[in-house]
Protein backbone atom coordinates (compact mmCIF):
# COMPACT_ATOMS: atom_id res chain seq x y z
CA MET A 1 -0.07 0.10 0.07
CA ARG A 2 1.40 3.43 -0.89
CA ARG A 3 1.84 5.76 1.61
CA ASP A 4 -1.06 8.17 0.21
CA GLN A 5 -3.12 5.29 0.17
CA PHE A 6 -2.41 4.30 3.90
CA ARG A 7 -3.02 7.89 4.89
CA CYS A 8 -6.48 8.11 3.16
CA ALA A 9 -7.59 4.54 4.47
CA ALA A 10 -6.41 5.88 7.85
CA LEU A 11 -8.43 9.14 7.68
CA LEU A 12 -11.40 7.19 6.74
CA THR A 13 -11.20 4.47 9.33
CA LEU A 14 -10.92 7.71 12.01
CA ALA A 15 -13.81 9.25 10.16
CA ALA A 16 -15.98 6.40 10.36
CA ALA A 17 -15.10 5.57 13.99
CA LEU A 18 -16.03 9.21 14.82
CA LEU A 19 -19.32 9.00 13.39
CA LEU A 20 -20.35 5.67 14.79
CA ALA A 21 -18.90 6.61 18.39
CA GLY A 22 -20.29 10.70 17.82
CA PRO A 23 -23.65 9.60 19.04
CA ALA A 24 -23.11 7.60 22.17
CA PHE A 25 -20.44 10.46 23.40
CA ALA A 26 -22.99 13.51 22.34
CA GLN A 27 -26.29 11.91 24.42
CA GLY A 28 -26.43 14.03 27.29
CA CYS A 29 -29.10 13.79 29.73
CA ARG A 30 -32.42 14.11 28.13
CA GLY A 31 -34.31 13.50 30.96
CA VAL A 32 -37.81 14.48 31.57
CA MET A 33 -38.89 15.62 35.17
CA THR A 34 -41.97 16.89 36.05
CA PRO A 35 -42.62 18.31 39.56
CA GLU A 36 -46.06 17.16 40.94
CA TYR A 37 -46.58 18.99 44.40
CA GLY A 38 -49.41 20.38 45.95
CA THR A 39 -49.66 22.76 48.73
CA TYR A 40 -52.61 22.95 51.18
CA VAL A 41 -53.61 25.68 54.01
CA SER A 42 -56.05 25.05 56.59
CA CYS A 43 -57.41 27.62 59.07
CA SER A 44 -59.27 26.90 62.34
CA VAL A 45 -60.39 28.04 65.92
CA GLY A 46 -60.06 26.09 68.76
CA ALA A 47 -60.54 26.49 72.38
CA ASN A 48 -60.03 30.20 73.83
CA ASP A 49 -60.40 31.60 70.47
CA THR A 50 -57.06 30.33 69.38
CA ILE A 51 -56.46 30.39 65.66
CA TYR A 52 -54.43 27.71 63.94
CA SER A 53 -52.98 27.94 60.58
CA THR A 54 -51.20 25.13 58.92
CA VAL A 55 -49.45 25.03 55.57
CA VAL A 56 -48.62 21.50 53.91
CA LEU A 57 -46.28 21.11 51.05
CA ASP A 58 -46.35 17.18 49.57
CA GLY A 59 -45.56 15.26 46.45
CA SER A 60 -42.62 14.05 44.28
CA THR A 61 -41.39 14.64 40.89
CA GLU A 62 -42.09 12.04 38.18
CA ILE A 63 -38.65 11.27 36.45
CA GLY A 64 -38.39 9.75 32.94
CA ASN A 65 -35.86 9.05 30.37
CA THR A 66 -32.72 9.37 32.51
CA GLU A 67 -30.37 7.06 30.55
CA TYR A 68 -27.63 9.36 29.98
CA CYS A 69 -28.38 11.41 33.36
CA ASN A 70 -26.17 11.33 36.50
CA LEU A 71 -28.54 11.80 39.25
CA SER A 72 -25.93 10.80 41.71
CA GLY A 73 -26.36 13.31 44.81
CA VAL A 74 -29.05 15.40 43.34
CA THR A 75 -31.44 16.28 46.23
CA HIS A 76 -34.80 18.24 46.35
CA THR A 77 -35.56 20.20 49.58
CA PRO A 78 -39.00 21.45 50.51
CA THR A 79 -39.53 24.74 52.35
CA VAL A 80 -42.99 26.36 53.78
CA HIS A 81 -43.56 29.61 55.27
CA ASP A 82 -46.68 30.37 57.29
CA GLN A 83 -47.50 34.09 58.74
CA LEU A 84 -50.73 34.23 60.99
CA GLY A 85 -51.14 37.74 62.24
CA SER A 86 -47.81 38.47 64.24
CA ALA A 87 -46.81 34.77 64.34
CA SER A 88 -44.69 33.46 61.52
CA GLY A 89 -42.43 30.58 61.05
CA SER A 90 -40.67 28.44 58.33
CA SER A 91 -39.54 25.20 57.96
CA SER A 92 -37.11 22.88 55.78
CA GLY A 93 -37.48 19.32 55.03
CA ALA A 94 -34.43 17.03 54.81
CA PRO A 95 -32.98 16.91 50.89
CA VAL A 96 -34.72 13.60 49.68
CA SER A 97 -33.66 11.76 46.30
CA PRO A 98 -35.47 13.69 43.24
CA ALA A 99 -38.25 10.79 42.87
CA ALA A 100 -38.86 10.44 46.50
CA TYR A 101 -42.13 11.70 48.12
CA LEU A 102 -41.65 14.48 50.40
CA SER A 103 -43.95 16.40 52.77
CA GLN A 104 -43.26 19.38 54.96
CA GLU A 105 -45.88 21.38 57.11
CA GLU A 106 -45.48 24.52 59.44
CA THR A 107 -48.06 25.17 61.86
CA GLU A 108 -48.74 28.67 63.50
CA GLN A 109 -51.05 29.72 66.18
CA ILE A 110 -52.31 32.88 67.95
CA VAL A 111 -54.70 33.71 70.54
CA GLY A 112 -57.60 35.93 68.79
CA VAL A 113 -59.81 38.48 70.09
CA PRO A 114 -63.60 38.49 69.00
CA GLY A 115 -64.11 41.06 65.83
CA VAL A 116 -60.28 41.74 65.18
CA VAL A 117 -59.24 40.69 61.87
CA TYR A 118 -55.80 38.78 61.43
CA TYR A 119 -54.07 38.54 58.17
CA GLU A 120 -52.69 35.00 57.10
CA SER A 121 -50.01 34.19 54.20
CA ALA A 122 -48.33 31.20 53.00
CA SER A 123 -45.59 30.11 50.62
CA ALA A 124 -43.85 26.70 49.97
CA ASP A 125 -40.54 25.78 47.53
CA VAL A 126 -39.15 22.78 46.36
CA TYR A 127 -35.64 23.52 45.57
CA CYS A 128 -33.26 21.02 43.17
CA SER A 129 -29.73 20.93 44.27
CA ALA A 130 -28.56 20.50 40.49
CA VAL A 131 -30.73 23.32 38.79
CA GLY A 132 -32.42 25.40 41.86
CA GLU A 133 -36.09 26.28 42.14
CA ILE A 134 -38.53 23.65 40.68
CA TYR A 135 -41.98 24.50 42.46
CA SER A 136 -43.12 27.80 44.13
CA TRP A 137 -46.54 28.58 45.47
CA SER A 138 -47.63 31.64 47.37
CA GLN A 139 -51.08 32.27 48.61
CA PRO A 140 -52.60 35.67 48.48
CA GLU A 141 -53.03 37.31 51.98
CA ILE A 142 -56.66 36.62 53.72
CA THR A 143 -57.75 38.03 56.79
CA LEU A 144 -59.58 36.18 59.35
CA ALA A 145 -61.74 36.93 62.28
CA ILE A 146 -63.10 35.19 64.98
CA GLY A 147 -67.38 36.50 65.17
CA VAL A 148 -68.84 37.74 68.66
CA ASN A 149 -70.57 34.16 69.38
CA GLY A 150 -67.01 32.25 68.66
CA ILE A 151 -67.95 31.63 65.05
CA PHE A 152 -64.63 31.34 62.80
CA LEU A 153 -65.22 34.04 59.62
CA GLN A 154 -63.01 33.84 56.88
CA VAL A 155 -63.44 37.61 55.73
CA THR A 156 -61.61 37.28 52.24
C-alpha cells in the first residue's frame, strides 16, 4: 500500500469511527422531570379563641428518560412558610432523592380576639440541588376573624 493510500485509509477509518461513536458520546442528559407537588392551607379556631393555620407541601417529581443522566447526589428540599398575624415561621425538610415523596408542614397559632381581623399568608418551595427552584407557590393574603359568638370567619 502506498503512503498516500495508507493515509487516506487511516483518515476514512478515523472518520467512520467518529461518526459511529459520536452519538454515544454526544447523548447528554435528556431526562424529563415533572414536578408534581401540591400545597394546602387550613385555618381553624379552637378553645379559648386560638386561631390555627397550617401549611402543607407534599408530592414528588416524576422522572423519565434518564438513561444518560447522572443523578448521583441530586436532592430536592421542601420549604414552607406560614404567617398568621404576628406569628410566623418557616421550616425546611430533609433533602430527598428527586423521585422520592416529600412532605413538609408548618403550623402557627395565635390567641384571637373576637371582632379583630388577622392576616394570614403562606408560601412553599421545592429546591433541586442541580437546577435550583423547581416548584414555587404563594397564597394571596387572606383575612380572618372570630365572630362575636366564637364563630370563625374568613373575611376574604
